N, C-alpha and C. Protein backbone atom coordinates (compact mmCIF):
# COMPACT_ATOMS: atom_id res chain seq x y z
N MET A 1 93.76 -41.55 -13.06
CA MET A 1 93.62 -41.02 -11.72
C MET A 1 92.84 -42.12 -10.96
N THR A 2 93.26 -42.36 -9.72
CA THR A 2 92.58 -43.28 -8.87
C THR A 2 91.86 -42.56 -7.71
N ARG A 3 91.03 -43.38 -7.11
CA ARG A 3 90.30 -42.81 -5.87
C ARG A 3 91.32 -42.46 -4.89
N ALA A 4 92.39 -43.26 -4.74
CA ALA A 4 93.42 -42.99 -3.76
C ALA A 4 94.05 -41.57 -3.99
N ASP A 5 94.27 -41.25 -5.23
CA ASP A 5 94.86 -39.96 -5.64
C ASP A 5 93.95 -38.82 -5.15
N ILE A 6 92.65 -38.98 -5.40
CA ILE A 6 91.68 -37.92 -5.01
C ILE A 6 91.64 -37.91 -3.42
N GLU A 7 91.67 -39.01 -2.80
CA GLU A 7 91.62 -39.04 -1.32
C GLU A 7 92.86 -38.36 -0.72
N ARG A 8 94.00 -38.56 -1.32
CA ARG A 8 95.21 -37.86 -0.80
C ARG A 8 95.06 -36.35 -0.96
N LEU A 9 94.60 -35.85 -2.13
CA LEU A 9 94.40 -34.41 -2.28
C LEU A 9 93.29 -33.92 -1.24
N ASP A 10 92.29 -34.70 -1.10
CA ASP A 10 91.26 -34.25 -0.12
C ASP A 10 91.78 -34.20 1.31
N ALA A 11 92.67 -35.16 1.66
CA ALA A 11 93.27 -35.20 3.05
C ALA A 11 94.12 -33.91 3.28
N VAL A 12 94.87 -33.56 2.27
CA VAL A 12 95.69 -32.35 2.42
C VAL A 12 94.72 -31.13 2.57
N ILE A 13 93.69 -31.04 1.77
CA ILE A 13 92.76 -29.91 1.90
C ILE A 13 92.13 -29.79 3.23
N LYS A 14 91.76 -30.96 3.86
CA LYS A 14 91.08 -31.01 5.06
C LYS A 14 91.98 -31.16 6.35
N ASP A 15 93.24 -31.12 6.15
CA ASP A 15 94.16 -31.25 7.27
C ASP A 15 94.20 -29.95 8.09
N ARG A 16 93.55 -30.02 9.30
CA ARG A 16 93.39 -28.85 10.13
C ARG A 16 94.70 -28.48 10.84
N SER A 17 95.71 -29.38 10.74
CA SER A 17 97.04 -29.00 11.35
C SER A 17 97.76 -27.98 10.48
N LEU A 18 97.34 -27.85 9.21
CA LEU A 18 97.92 -26.82 8.31
C LEU A 18 97.13 -25.61 8.36
N SER A 19 97.81 -24.48 8.24
CA SER A 19 97.13 -23.22 8.10
C SER A 19 96.50 -23.20 6.68
N HIS A 20 95.52 -22.31 6.50
CA HIS A 20 94.86 -22.26 5.24
C HIS A 20 95.82 -22.00 4.07
N ALA A 21 96.84 -21.15 4.36
CA ALA A 21 97.86 -20.79 3.34
C ALA A 21 98.70 -22.08 3.06
N GLU A 22 99.02 -22.83 4.06
CA GLU A 22 99.86 -24.07 3.81
C GLU A 22 99.07 -25.10 3.08
N ALA A 23 97.77 -25.24 3.43
CA ALA A 23 96.93 -26.22 2.77
C ALA A 23 96.76 -25.79 1.25
N ARG A 24 96.56 -24.51 1.06
CA ARG A 24 96.44 -24.05 -0.39
C ARG A 24 97.72 -24.34 -1.11
N GLN A 25 98.86 -24.04 -0.55
CA GLN A 25 100.10 -24.26 -1.22
C GLN A 25 100.34 -25.74 -1.56
N ARG A 26 100.10 -26.60 -0.55
CA ARG A 26 100.36 -28.04 -0.84
C ARG A 26 99.36 -28.62 -1.84
N ALA A 27 98.10 -28.19 -1.80
CA ALA A 27 97.13 -28.63 -2.81
C ALA A 27 97.59 -28.13 -4.23
N ARG A 28 98.00 -26.87 -4.25
CA ARG A 28 98.42 -26.30 -5.59
C ARG A 28 99.66 -27.15 -6.13
N GLU A 29 100.59 -27.48 -5.22
CA GLU A 29 101.73 -28.27 -5.64
C GLU A 29 101.29 -29.63 -6.18
N MET A 30 100.32 -30.35 -5.46
CA MET A 30 99.82 -31.62 -5.85
C MET A 30 99.20 -31.48 -7.27
N LYS A 31 98.40 -30.48 -7.45
CA LYS A 31 97.65 -30.30 -8.77
C LYS A 31 98.58 -30.09 -9.90
N CYS A 32 99.84 -29.62 -9.62
CA CYS A 32 100.78 -29.35 -10.74
C CYS A 32 101.55 -30.65 -11.17
N ARG A 33 101.32 -31.76 -10.43
CA ARG A 33 102.03 -32.99 -10.82
C ARG A 33 101.00 -34.01 -11.24
N PRO A 34 101.43 -35.03 -12.01
CA PRO A 34 100.62 -36.10 -12.39
C PRO A 34 100.10 -36.87 -11.13
N PRO A 35 98.96 -37.41 -11.13
CA PRO A 35 98.03 -37.54 -12.17
C PRO A 35 97.12 -36.31 -12.40
N PHE A 36 97.12 -35.35 -11.43
CA PHE A 36 96.20 -34.23 -11.54
C PHE A 36 96.51 -33.34 -12.77
N SER A 37 97.83 -33.12 -13.07
CA SER A 37 98.16 -32.25 -14.22
C SER A 37 97.78 -32.92 -15.57
N GLU A 38 97.50 -34.21 -15.55
CA GLU A 38 97.13 -34.82 -16.80
C GLU A 38 95.69 -35.18 -16.83
N SER A 39 94.90 -34.81 -15.88
CA SER A 39 93.52 -35.18 -15.77
C SER A 39 92.64 -34.36 -16.67
N ALA A 40 91.59 -34.99 -17.22
CA ALA A 40 90.58 -34.23 -17.94
C ALA A 40 89.61 -33.48 -17.04
N ILE A 41 89.60 -33.95 -15.75
CA ILE A 41 88.73 -33.26 -14.78
C ILE A 41 89.65 -32.36 -13.92
N ILE A 42 89.19 -31.12 -13.70
CA ILE A 42 89.97 -30.15 -12.90
C ILE A 42 89.40 -30.15 -11.53
N PHE A 43 90.30 -30.40 -10.60
CA PHE A 43 89.93 -30.39 -9.16
C PHE A 43 90.22 -28.96 -8.57
N ASN A 44 89.29 -28.37 -7.94
CA ASN A 44 89.43 -27.04 -7.33
C ASN A 44 89.22 -27.00 -5.86
N PRO A 45 90.34 -27.06 -5.14
CA PRO A 45 90.23 -26.96 -3.65
C PRO A 45 89.73 -25.55 -3.24
N LYS A 46 88.76 -25.58 -2.31
CA LYS A 46 88.21 -24.35 -1.80
C LYS A 46 88.60 -24.31 -0.28
N ILE A 47 89.53 -23.41 0.01
CA ILE A 47 90.09 -23.41 1.34
C ILE A 47 90.02 -21.90 1.79
N ASP A 48 89.22 -21.60 2.78
CA ASP A 48 89.19 -20.22 3.29
C ASP A 48 89.85 -20.04 4.62
N PHE A 49 90.08 -18.92 5.05
CA PHE A 49 90.83 -18.57 6.29
C PHE A 49 90.06 -18.89 7.56
N LYS A 50 88.80 -19.24 7.40
CA LYS A 50 87.95 -19.59 8.59
C LYS A 50 87.95 -21.16 8.71
N THR A 51 86.86 -21.76 8.42
CA THR A 51 86.86 -23.22 8.65
C THR A 51 86.48 -24.03 7.42
N ARG A 52 86.04 -23.43 6.32
CA ARG A 52 85.55 -24.13 5.22
C ARG A 52 86.70 -24.68 4.32
N ARG A 53 86.64 -25.94 4.13
CA ARG A 53 87.56 -26.58 3.22
C ARG A 53 86.89 -27.76 2.51
N ARG A 54 86.92 -27.67 1.17
CA ARG A 54 86.23 -28.66 0.43
C ARG A 54 86.93 -28.87 -0.97
N LEU A 55 86.65 -29.98 -1.56
CA LEU A 55 87.26 -30.25 -2.93
C LEU A 55 86.11 -30.21 -3.93
N ARG A 56 86.11 -29.34 -4.89
CA ARG A 56 85.17 -29.24 -5.97
C ARG A 56 85.80 -29.79 -7.22
N PHE A 57 84.99 -30.28 -8.08
CA PHE A 57 85.52 -30.77 -9.33
C PHE A 57 84.58 -30.42 -10.48
N GLU A 58 85.12 -29.95 -11.57
CA GLU A 58 84.32 -29.51 -12.73
C GLU A 58 84.23 -30.57 -13.83
N ASP A 59 83.24 -30.56 -14.54
CA ASP A 59 83.08 -31.37 -15.76
C ASP A 59 82.88 -32.90 -15.47
N VAL A 60 82.67 -33.25 -14.27
CA VAL A 60 82.59 -34.72 -13.96
C VAL A 60 81.42 -35.34 -14.70
N PHE A 61 80.26 -34.76 -14.66
CA PHE A 61 79.13 -35.41 -15.27
C PHE A 61 79.17 -35.31 -16.79
N ARG A 62 79.73 -34.19 -17.31
CA ARG A 62 79.87 -34.04 -18.79
C ARG A 62 80.81 -35.15 -19.28
N LEU A 63 81.85 -35.43 -18.56
CA LEU A 63 82.80 -36.42 -19.03
C LEU A 63 82.45 -37.85 -18.65
N LEU A 64 81.83 -38.04 -17.54
CA LEU A 64 81.62 -39.42 -17.05
C LEU A 64 80.20 -39.94 -17.43
N ALA A 65 79.29 -39.01 -17.79
CA ALA A 65 78.00 -39.42 -18.07
C ALA A 65 77.51 -38.66 -19.39
N PRO A 66 78.34 -38.74 -20.45
CA PRO A 66 77.96 -38.02 -21.72
C PRO A 66 76.57 -38.53 -22.18
N GLY A 67 75.80 -37.52 -22.63
CA GLY A 67 74.48 -37.81 -23.09
C GLY A 67 73.46 -38.01 -21.95
N GLY A 68 73.94 -37.83 -20.78
CA GLY A 68 73.04 -38.00 -19.59
C GLY A 68 71.98 -36.79 -19.63
N ASP A 69 70.87 -37.08 -19.12
CA ASP A 69 69.79 -36.09 -19.13
C ASP A 69 69.81 -35.21 -17.86
N SER A 70 70.10 -33.89 -18.07
CA SER A 70 70.21 -33.04 -16.95
C SER A 70 68.88 -32.39 -16.56
N ALA A 71 67.80 -32.78 -17.24
CA ALA A 71 66.49 -32.26 -16.90
C ALA A 71 65.99 -32.93 -15.62
N VAL A 72 65.04 -32.28 -14.96
CA VAL A 72 64.40 -32.88 -13.77
C VAL A 72 63.79 -34.16 -14.21
N GLN A 73 63.98 -35.25 -13.40
CA GLN A 73 63.56 -36.57 -13.78
C GLN A 73 62.62 -37.08 -12.63
N ALA A 74 61.57 -37.76 -13.04
CA ALA A 74 60.64 -38.30 -11.96
C ALA A 74 61.30 -39.30 -11.04
N GLN A 75 62.16 -40.15 -11.58
CA GLN A 75 62.92 -41.10 -10.78
C GLN A 75 64.39 -41.04 -11.30
N PRO A 76 65.18 -40.10 -10.74
CA PRO A 76 66.54 -39.89 -11.21
C PRO A 76 67.47 -41.09 -10.96
N ALA A 77 68.37 -41.29 -11.83
CA ALA A 77 69.37 -42.40 -11.71
C ALA A 77 70.58 -41.95 -12.38
N LEU A 78 71.74 -42.41 -11.99
CA LEU A 78 72.98 -42.22 -12.66
C LEU A 78 73.66 -43.53 -12.87
N TRP A 79 74.08 -43.85 -14.03
CA TRP A 79 74.67 -45.14 -14.39
C TRP A 79 73.81 -46.30 -13.97
N GLY A 80 72.51 -46.13 -14.09
CA GLY A 80 71.57 -47.13 -13.76
C GLY A 80 71.25 -47.38 -12.29
N VAL A 81 71.86 -46.50 -11.44
CA VAL A 81 71.62 -46.57 -10.04
C VAL A 81 70.62 -45.43 -9.60
N ALA A 82 69.48 -45.90 -9.04
CA ALA A 82 68.42 -44.98 -8.63
C ALA A 82 68.91 -44.15 -7.46
N TYR A 83 68.53 -42.82 -7.53
CA TYR A 83 68.82 -41.90 -6.45
C TYR A 83 67.86 -42.23 -5.32
N PRO A 84 68.37 -42.35 -4.05
CA PRO A 84 67.50 -42.83 -2.96
C PRO A 84 66.41 -41.83 -2.46
N GLY A 85 66.48 -40.59 -2.95
CA GLY A 85 65.47 -39.60 -2.54
C GLY A 85 66.08 -38.56 -1.72
N LEU A 86 65.22 -37.84 -0.98
CA LEU A 86 65.58 -36.72 -0.16
C LEU A 86 66.62 -37.20 0.90
N ILE A 87 67.72 -36.39 1.06
CA ILE A 87 68.67 -36.68 2.01
C ILE A 87 68.50 -35.61 3.09
N ILE A 88 68.15 -36.04 4.29
CA ILE A 88 67.86 -35.11 5.36
C ILE A 88 69.17 -34.88 6.12
N SER A 89 69.44 -33.61 6.26
CA SER A 89 70.67 -33.15 7.00
C SER A 89 70.31 -32.00 7.93
N GLY A 90 71.17 -31.79 8.84
CA GLY A 90 71.01 -30.72 9.81
C GLY A 90 71.20 -29.39 9.19
N ARG A 91 70.73 -28.34 9.82
CA ARG A 91 70.87 -26.99 9.36
C ARG A 91 72.33 -26.58 9.44
N ARG A 92 72.79 -25.83 8.46
CA ARG A 92 74.13 -25.28 8.46
C ARG A 92 74.28 -24.34 9.65
N GLU A 93 75.40 -24.47 10.33
CA GLU A 93 75.67 -23.52 11.40
C GLU A 93 77.08 -22.86 11.20
N PHE A 94 77.15 -21.64 11.40
CA PHE A 94 78.34 -20.86 11.21
C PHE A 94 78.92 -20.40 12.52
N PRO A 95 80.26 -20.54 12.78
CA PRO A 95 80.79 -20.05 14.02
C PRO A 95 80.76 -18.49 14.09
N ASP A 96 80.70 -18.01 15.23
CA ASP A 96 80.67 -16.56 15.45
C ASP A 96 82.00 -15.89 15.11
């Protein structure tokens, strides 16, 4: 599986021109075909009828960082790359 494959699935999930039902159907169809059907990592589109659309994936760290330490670390790093620290983001807002 390539990054381009994942980006294509993500684009379908986040395509606002599709209804939530259409986006779910297209994502489901993509997941039934290679490379997704042959992947060790399962991708789970989360598409609701409001505005939330995201792509979740299971087992990434178990498969890509076997033996990695999941405990709290003083200076966390993944694959030798240090985590930059706190990521400041805005408060979540929900439409009425």
